[in-house]
Amino acid sequence: MGLAIGLVGLPNVGKSTTFNALTKAQNAEAANYPFCTIEPNKAVVPVPDKRLVELAKIVKPERIQYSTLDFVDIAGLVKGASKGEGLGNKFLSTIRETEVILQIVRCFDDDNIVHNEGSIDPLRDVEIIEGELILADIEVLSNRIDRLKKQAKFDKVAAGVLVMAEELLEFLGDGNLARNYKDVDTDEYRQLNNEVRFLTQKEIMYGANTDEDGLLEDNKYVTLLREHAQKNNCELIKLCAKIEEELIGLDDEEAQEFLTDLGVVESGLEQIIHKGFAKLGLMSYFTAGVKEVRAWTIKQNSTAPRAASVIHNDFEKGFIRAEVIAYKDFIELGGEAKAKEAGKMRLEGKEYIVQDGDIMHFRFNV
């Protein structure tokens, strides 16, 4: 599945409604009962980027092509998922293939919407979800330890990993996430994680699904969830799934006016996309021509040849030079020709680290 963000949450907390709004379509059925989402819905979502609009004002291309992000709406979780309860096995196998976990957590009261646990308690909900992930990690780690014990008899490296693994098992058993373990930056841990792929090592974002009033000022539920997120060095994004869904049918100008009337600068979904993009370690560079102005998605700290490869593998193989104009210079000077006249177009070689927003043209020979 690759670089994807998995939406998780207890049944009936607004997860599928959020997914609908993210994808600008009713791709995930939303209903007032558990396990509405059975198969994991997948969607490719454009990453909003106002820089492309500004580039298009100058270049006047036939079309604009945004970067994209993969989202997966994963079946609702219940207690016992790690033991196969509900749709647990499907949940755990699907989330293992994603890079970032976005937990949608209900942070509003409404007697008309059933909560699977019978009351509103965001910390309890998070504890259920993360508890099941921890239990799943404990199971796979225990199996790995059994094999390490056999290897450690004749392998010193395995013996070192075993010591760390047994300590980590105890850490997980105390209800901690693997990502908070003290030795995550060691070679032993990285080796173990590559083999086991801990669910609780993944980046986590919390989506606090609140009502309209909660968007303007944190209610008691959001406050509790925010404190939990800060303690675990995780992002918290506040949104109202119902309002986000209402924005689906509006054009950009109408949507912004609607948000302004609510006193909100950026929609929760735009925050999810932008912060998710960053959590995945991604960024964009641009190509700008009369056919299209386009954002190309690359990993942060990519070299110019590696960046060129996302257009075509031949661009990397035959890379000669990259013509580069910084976004700020391109906009301030009014385009490529004037930027070149002002000496703001640079020729960069194979070692150049591409910067977010660079406008690039590649010279290559194959």
Protein backbone atom coordinates (compact mmCIF):
# COMPACT_ATOMS: atom_id res chain seq x y z
CA MET A 1 0.00 0.00 0.00
CA GLY A 2 2.99 2.29 0.52
CA LEU A 3 2.77 5.87 1.72
CA ALA A 4 -0.80 5.88 2.99
CA ILE A 5 -2.70 7.31 5.95
CA GLY A 6 -5.09 4.93 7.66
CA LEU A 7 -8.24 6.34 9.26
CA VAL A 8 -9.11 4.37 12.38
CA GLY A 9 -11.56 4.75 15.23
CA LEU A 10 -14.23 3.01 17.19
CA PRO A 11 -17.47 2.32 15.31
CA ASN A 12 -19.74 5.32 14.91
CA VAL A 13 -17.38 8.18 15.79
CA GLY A 14 -17.55 9.96 12.41
CA LYS A 15 -14.70 8.14 10.70
CA SER A 16 -16.54 7.27 7.48
CA THR A 17 -18.18 10.71 7.40
CA THR A 18 -14.70 12.21 7.58
CA PHE A 19 -13.53 9.91 4.81
CA ASN A 20 -16.48 10.98 2.63
CA ALA A 21 -15.52 14.60 3.07
CA LEU A 22 -11.84 13.88 2.42
CA THR A 23 -12.57 12.24 -0.90
CA LYS A 24 -15.24 14.77 -1.94
CA ALA A 25 -17.56 11.84 -2.64
CA GLN A 26 -19.75 9.35 -0.82
CA ASN A 27 -17.16 6.60 -1.14
CA ALA A 28 -17.63 5.27 2.37
CA GLU A 29 -21.15 4.42 3.50
CA ALA A 30 -22.04 6.22 6.73
CA ALA A 31 -24.72 4.78 8.98
CA ASN A 32 -25.71 4.71 12.63
CA TYR A 33 -24.45 1.22 13.43
CA PRO A 34 -21.11 -0.59 13.95
CA PHE A 35 -19.10 -2.20 11.14
CA CYS A 36 -20.68 -0.04 8.45
CA THR A 37 -17.27 0.03 6.75
CA ILE A 38 -16.26 -3.58 6.17
CA GLU A 39 -13.80 -3.52 3.28
CA PRO A 40 -11.12 -0.85 3.59
CA ASN A 41 -12.06 2.02 1.28
CA LYS A 42 -9.13 3.62 -0.47
CA ALA A 43 -8.90 7.02 -2.08
CA VAL A 44 -6.32 9.26 -3.70
CA VAL A 45 -6.82 12.80 -2.41
CA PRO A 46 -5.35 15.97 -3.99
CA VAL A 47 -3.15 18.04 -1.69
CA PRO A 48 -4.42 21.64 -1.65
CA ASP A 49 -1.58 23.99 -2.58
CA LYS A 50 -2.24 27.68 -3.24
CA ARG A 51 1.20 28.02 -4.81
CA LEU A 52 -0.04 26.13 -7.88
CA VAL A 53 -2.84 28.66 -8.33
CA GLU A 54 -0.34 31.53 -8.16
CA LEU A 55 1.92 29.82 -10.69
CA ALA A 56 -1.04 29.28 -13.01
CA LYS A 57 -1.88 33.00 -12.92
CA ILE A 58 1.50 33.66 -14.51
CA VAL A 59 1.91 30.64 -16.79
CA LYS A 60 -1.77 30.28 -17.78
CA PRO A 61 -1.59 26.52 -18.39
CA GLU A 62 -4.31 24.29 -19.79
CA ARG A 63 -4.58 22.43 -16.48
CA ILE A 64 -3.30 22.23 -12.91
CA GLN A 65 -2.16 18.93 -11.42
CA TYR A 66 -1.84 18.67 -7.63
CA SER A 67 0.20 16.28 -5.53
CA THR A 68 -1.86 13.47 -4.06
CA LEU A 69 -2.10 11.53 -0.82
CA ASP A 70 -3.53 8.04 -0.23
CA PHE A 71 -6.16 7.59 2.48
CA VAL A 72 -7.57 4.28 3.66
CA ASP A 73 -10.81 4.08 5.65
CA ILE A 74 -10.35 1.02 7.86
CA ALA A 75 -13.14 -1.00 9.49
CA GLY A 76 -14.22 0.16 12.96
CA LEU A 77 -12.37 -1.33 15.91
CA VAL A 78 -13.74 -2.88 19.11
CA LYS A 79 -12.24 -4.38 22.25
CA GLY A 80 -10.65 -7.74 21.50
CA ALA A 81 -9.62 -6.87 17.93
CA SER A 82 -6.13 -8.23 18.60
CA LYS A 83 -7.80 -11.57 19.38
CA GLY A 84 -10.00 -11.44 16.27
CA GLU A 85 -13.10 -9.84 17.82
CA GLY A 86 -15.37 -7.92 15.44
CA LEU A 87 -13.35 -7.29 12.31
CA GLY A 88 -10.09 -7.14 14.24
CA ASN A 89 -7.91 -9.29 12.04
CA LYS A 90 -8.91 -7.34 8.93
CA PHE A 91 -8.36 -4.06 10.79
CA LEU A 92 -4.90 -4.99 12.00
CA SER A 93 -3.67 -6.43 8.70
CA THR A 94 -4.82 -3.36 6.77
CA ILE A 95 -3.39 -0.79 9.16
CA ARG A 96 -0.04 -2.58 9.12
CA GLU A 97 0.30 -1.55 5.47
CA THR A 98 -0.13 2.18 6.16
CA GLU A 99 2.54 4.66 7.27
CA VAL A 100 0.51 7.08 9.40
CA ILE A 101 -2.46 6.43 11.68
CA LEU A 102 -5.18 9.07 11.89
CA GLN A 103 -7.44 8.30 14.86
CA ILE A 104 -10.87 9.89 14.58
CA VAL A 105 -12.10 10.45 18.13
CA ARG A 106 -15.59 11.62 19.02
CA CYS A 107 -15.52 14.81 21.08
CA PHE A 108 -19.16 15.92 21.18
CA ASP A 109 -22.44 14.95 22.85
CA ASP A 110 -25.47 13.91 20.80
CA ASP A 111 -28.11 11.56 22.19
CA ASN A 112 -29.30 10.80 18.65
CA ILE A 113 -25.99 9.19 17.65
CA VAL A 114 -25.23 5.90 19.36
CA HIS A 115 -21.73 5.44 20.81
CA ASN A 116 -20.46 1.88 20.77
CA GLU A 117 -19.23 2.18 24.39
CA GLY A 118 -22.40 3.88 25.66
CA SER A 119 -20.85 7.25 26.60
CA ILE A 120 -18.48 9.94 25.36
CA ASP A 121 -14.95 9.54 26.68
CA PRO A 122 -12.16 10.32 24.19
CA LEU A 123 -9.34 9.02 26.39
CA ARG A 124 -11.14 5.70 26.89
CA ASP A 125 -11.70 5.45 23.13
CA VAL A 126 -8.02 6.15 22.42
CA GLU A 127 -7.02 3.64 25.10
CA ILE A 128 -9.16 0.95 23.44
CA ILE A 129 -7.67 1.57 20.01
CA GLU A 130 -4.07 1.89 21.16
CA GLY A 131 -4.51 -0.95 23.62
CA GLU A 132 -5.46 -3.29 20.80
CA LEU A 133 -2.50 -2.12 18.74
CA ILE A 134 -0.20 -2.70 21.71
CA LEU A 135 -1.60 -6.21 22.23
CA ALA A 136 -1.03 -6.99 18.57
CA ASP A 137 2.57 -5.75 18.88
CA ILE A 138 3.08 -7.85 22.02
CA GLU A 139 1.94 -10.95 20.14
CA VAL A 140 4.30 -10.50 17.18
CA LEU A 141 7.18 -9.46 19.46
CA SER A 142 6.68 -12.54 21.68
CA ASN A 143 6.88 -14.76 18.62
CA ARG A 144 10.05 -13.00 17.50
CA ILE A 145 11.60 -13.38 20.96
CA ASP A 146 11.04 -17.14 20.80
CA ARG A 147 13.07 -17.27 17.59
CA LEU A 148 15.72 -14.90 18.94
CA LYS A 149 16.30 -17.19 21.95
CA LYS A 150 17.25 -19.99 19.60
CA GLN A 151 19.48 -17.75 17.47
CA ALA A 152 21.15 -16.13 20.49
CA LYS A 153 22.85 -19.42 21.40
CA PHE A 154 25.25 -19.06 18.46
CA ASP A 155 24.75 -15.45 17.25
CA LYS A 156 26.05 -12.49 19.31
CA VAL A 157 24.05 -9.96 17.27
CA ALA A 158 20.83 -11.89 17.93
CA ALA A 159 21.77 -12.04 21.61
CA GLY A 160 21.99 -8.24 21.71
CA VAL A 161 18.66 -7.82 19.95
CA LEU A 162 17.10 -10.33 22.36
CA VAL A 163 18.06 -8.25 25.41
CA MET A 164 16.48 -5.16 23.88
CA ALA A 165 13.40 -7.11 22.69
CA GLU A 166 12.67 -8.49 26.14
CA GLU A 167 12.96 -5.01 27.64
CA LEU A 168 10.65 -3.65 24.93
CA LEU A 169 8.14 -6.42 25.63
CA GLU A 170 7.94 -5.30 29.24
CA PHE A 171 7.59 -1.68 28.11
CA LEU A 172 4.66 -2.59 25.84
CA GLY A 173 3.14 -4.71 28.60
CA ASP A 174 2.94 -1.57 30.76
CA GLY A 175 0.64 -0.02 28.15
CA ASN A 176 3.22 2.09 26.32
CA LEU A 177 3.53 2.70 22.59
CA ALA A 178 6.64 1.33 20.89
CA ARG A 179 7.34 4.80 19.43
CA ASN A 180 7.95 6.08 22.98
CA TYR A 181 10.56 3.44 23.79
CA LYS A 182 13.91 4.95 24.84
CA ASP A 183 16.07 3.06 22.31
CA VAL A 184 14.14 3.62 19.08
CA ASP A 185 17.21 5.19 17.45
CA THR A 186 19.44 2.16 17.95
CA ASP A 187 20.43 -0.30 15.22
CA GLU A 188 18.95 -3.16 17.26
CA TYR A 189 15.54 -1.49 17.44
CA ARG A 190 15.54 -0.55 13.77
CA GLN A 191 16.41 -4.12 12.83
CA LEU A 192 13.61 -5.46 15.02
CA ASN A 193 11.08 -2.96 13.71
CA ASN A 194 11.98 -3.79 10.11
CA GLU A 195 11.19 -7.43 10.85
CA VAL A 196 8.12 -6.96 13.06
CA ARG A 197 6.73 -3.63 11.78
CA PHE A 198 5.27 -2.47 15.09
CA LEU A 199 1.85 -0.91 14.77
CA THR A 200 2.55 1.44 17.68
CA GLN A 201 5.77 2.70 16.06
CA LYS A 202 3.77 4.43 13.32
CA GLU A 203 3.20 8.17 13.31
CA ILE A 204 -0.12 9.07 14.95
CA MET A 205 -2.43 12.01 14.40
CA TYR A 206 -5.62 12.55 16.40
CA GLY A 207 -8.68 13.93 14.66
CA ALA A 208 -10.92 15.47 17.33
CA ASN A 209 -14.39 15.27 15.77
CA THR A 210 -16.33 17.99 17.56
CA ASP A 211 -19.53 19.95 17.07
CA GLU A 212 -19.67 23.46 15.60
CA ASP A 213 -19.17 25.18 18.96
CA GLY A 214 -16.14 23.02 19.67
CA LEU A 215 -14.40 24.32 16.55
CA LEU A 216 -14.08 27.81 18.00
CA GLU A 217 -13.17 26.88 21.56
CA ASP A 218 -11.88 23.58 22.92
CA ASN A 219 -14.58 21.72 24.85
CA LYS A 220 -13.71 19.42 27.75
CA TYR A 221 -13.30 16.42 25.46
CA VAL A 222 -10.93 18.20 23.07
CA THR A 223 -8.90 19.52 26.01
CA LEU A 224 -8.35 15.99 27.33
CA LEU A 225 -7.41 14.66 23.90
CA ARG A 226 -5.04 17.57 23.25
CA GLU A 227 -3.20 16.87 26.53
CA HIS A 228 -2.86 13.20 25.55
CA ALA A 229 -1.54 14.13 22.10
CA GLN A 230 1.04 16.51 23.54
CA LYS A 231 2.22 13.90 26.03
CA ASN A 232 2.87 11.47 23.16
CA ASN A 233 4.34 14.10 20.82
CA CYS A 234 1.49 13.66 18.33
CA GLU A 235 -0.49 16.08 16.19
CA LEU A 236 -4.09 16.97 17.09
CA ILE A 237 -6.41 18.28 14.40
CA LYS A 238 -9.79 19.65 15.32
CA LEU A 239 -12.63 19.19 12.85
CA CYS A 240 -16.38 18.89 12.63
CA ALA A 241 -17.07 16.00 10.25
CA LYS A 242 -20.65 17.14 9.69
CA ILE A 243 -19.52 20.61 8.57
CA GLU A 244 -16.70 19.19 6.45
CA GLU A 245 -19.24 17.05 4.63
CA GLU A 246 -21.41 20.13 4.01
CA LEU A 247 -18.43 21.76 2.29
CA ILE A 248 -18.30 19.02 -0.35
CA GLY A 249 -20.72 20.65 -2.78
CA LEU A 250 -19.21 24.15 -2.52
CA ASP A 251 -16.56 25.63 -4.78
CA ASP A 252 -13.36 26.94 -3.21
CA GLU A 253 -14.60 30.52 -2.81
CA GLU A 254 -17.92 29.47 -1.28
CA ALA A 255 -16.18 27.02 1.04
CA GLN A 256 -13.74 29.69 2.27
CA GLU A 257 -16.60 32.12 2.86
CA PHE A 258 -18.46 29.44 4.81
CA LEU A 259 -15.40 28.78 6.98
CA THR A 260 -14.81 32.50 7.52
CA ASP A 261 -18.38 32.89 8.75
CA LEU A 262 -17.66 30.14 11.25
CA GLY A 263 -14.48 31.90 12.38
CA VAL A 264 -12.25 29.14 10.99
CA VAL A 265 -9.16 29.85 8.87
CA GLU A 266 -8.53 26.39 7.38
CA SER A 267 -10.83 23.38 7.24
CA GLY A 268 -9.99 20.38 9.37
CA LEU A 269 -9.59 18.26 6.27
CA GLU A 270 -7.04 20.62 4.75
CA GLN A 271 -5.12 20.40 8.03
CA ILE A 272 -5.28 16.60 7.90
CA ILE A 273 -3.95 16.54 4.34
CA HIS A 274 -1.17 19.07 4.91
CA LYS A 275 -0.02 17.59 8.23
CA GLY A 276 -0.34 14.07 6.88
CA PHE A 277 1.81 15.03 3.90
CA ALA A 278 4.46 16.34 6.30
CA LYS A 279 4.20 13.31 8.61
CA LEU A 280 4.97 11.08 5.65
CA GLY A 281 8.12 13.12 5.05
CA LEU A 282 6.85 14.37 1.68
CA MET A 283 7.12 17.66 -0.17
CA SER A 284 6.47 19.03 -3.66
CA TYR A 285 8.46 20.62 -6.43
CA PHE A 286 6.81 22.12 -9.51
CA THR A 287 7.03 22.06 -13.27
CA ALA A 288 5.39 24.98 -15.04
CA GLY A 289 4.54 25.00 -18.74
CA VAL A 290 1.71 25.95 -21.06
CA LYS A 291 0.32 22.40 -21.02
CA GLU A 292 0.21 22.11 -17.25
CA VAL A 293 1.43 23.46 -13.95
CA ARG A 294 2.12 20.41 -11.84
CA ALA A 295 3.24 19.44 -8.35
CA TRP A 296 5.47 16.38 -8.09
CA THR A 297 5.62 14.48 -4.81
CA ILE A 298 9.05 13.51 -3.47
CA LYS A 299 10.58 12.55 -0.13
CA GLN A 300 12.17 15.40 1.80
CA ASN A 301 15.94 15.74 1.23
CA SER A 302 15.76 14.14 -2.22
CA THR A 303 18.56 14.85 -4.67
CA ALA A 304 17.79 16.37 -8.08
CA PRO A 305 18.19 13.04 -9.97
CA ARG A 306 15.88 11.29 -7.50
CA ALA A 307 13.33 14.08 -7.90
CA ALA A 308 13.58 13.74 -11.67
CA SER A 309 12.80 10.02 -11.44
CA VAL A 310 9.20 10.66 -10.37
CA ILE A 311 8.60 12.13 -13.83
CA HIS A 312 10.34 9.25 -15.61
CA ASN A 313 13.05 6.78 -14.66
CA ASP A 314 15.05 7.84 -17.73
CA PHE A 315 15.32 11.35 -16.26
CA GLU A 316 17.32 9.95 -13.35
CA LYS A 317 19.42 7.57 -15.45
CA GLY A 318 20.44 10.25 -17.94
CA PHE A 319 20.44 13.23 -15.57
CA ILE A 320 22.79 16.05 -16.61
CA ARG A 321 21.64 19.21 -14.86
CA ALA A 322 18.52 20.75 -13.34
CA GLU A 323 17.35 24.28 -14.09
CA VAL A 324 15.99 25.60 -10.80
CA ILE A 325 14.05 28.72 -9.85
CA ALA A 326 12.93 29.26 -6.26
CA TYR A 327 9.15 29.68 -5.95
CA LYS A 328 9.48 33.10 -4.34
CA ASP A 329 11.67 34.39 -7.19
CA PHE A 330 9.38 32.95 -9.87
CA ILE A 331 6.35 34.73 -8.39
CA GLU A 332 8.04 38.03 -7.53
CA LEU A 333 9.70 38.34 -10.95
CA GLY A 334 6.68 37.19 -12.93
CA GLY A 335 7.81 33.96 -14.54
CA GLU A 336 10.68 31.96 -15.96
CA ALA A 337 11.96 34.44 -18.56
CA LYS A 338 12.21 37.35 -16.12
CA ALA A 339 13.70 35.15 -13.41
CA LYS A 340 16.36 34.04 -15.88
CA GLU A 341 17.09 37.65 -16.89
CA ALA A 342 17.52 38.55 -13.22
CA GLY A 343 19.99 35.72 -12.72
CA LYS A 344 17.64 33.76 -10.50
CA MET A 345 17.69 30.57 -12.56
CA ARG A 346 20.39 28.21 -11.30
CA LEU A 347 21.98 25.14 -12.86
CA GLU A 348 22.24 22.42 -10.24
CA GLY A 349 24.00 19.06 -10.40
CA LYS A 350 23.51 15.56 -9.02
CA GLU A 351 24.22 16.52 -5.41
CA TYR A 352 21.60 19.29 -5.22
CA ILE A 353 18.97 18.74 -2.52
CA VAL A 354 15.62 19.85 -3.89
CA GLN A 355 13.78 22.47 -1.84
CA ASP A 356 10.04 22.54 -1.28
CA GLY A 357 8.42 24.64 -4.01
CA ASP A 358 11.35 24.67 -6.45
CA ILE A 359 10.33 25.18 -10.07
CA MET A 360 12.46 22.72 -12.04
CA HIS A 361 13.34 21.69 -15.58
CA PHE A 362 15.63 18.71 -16.14
CA ARG A 363 18.33 18.27 -18.72
CA PHE A 364 19.02 14.61 -19.45
CA ASN A 365 20.45 12.32 -22.08
CA VAL A 366 19.58 8.63 -22.60
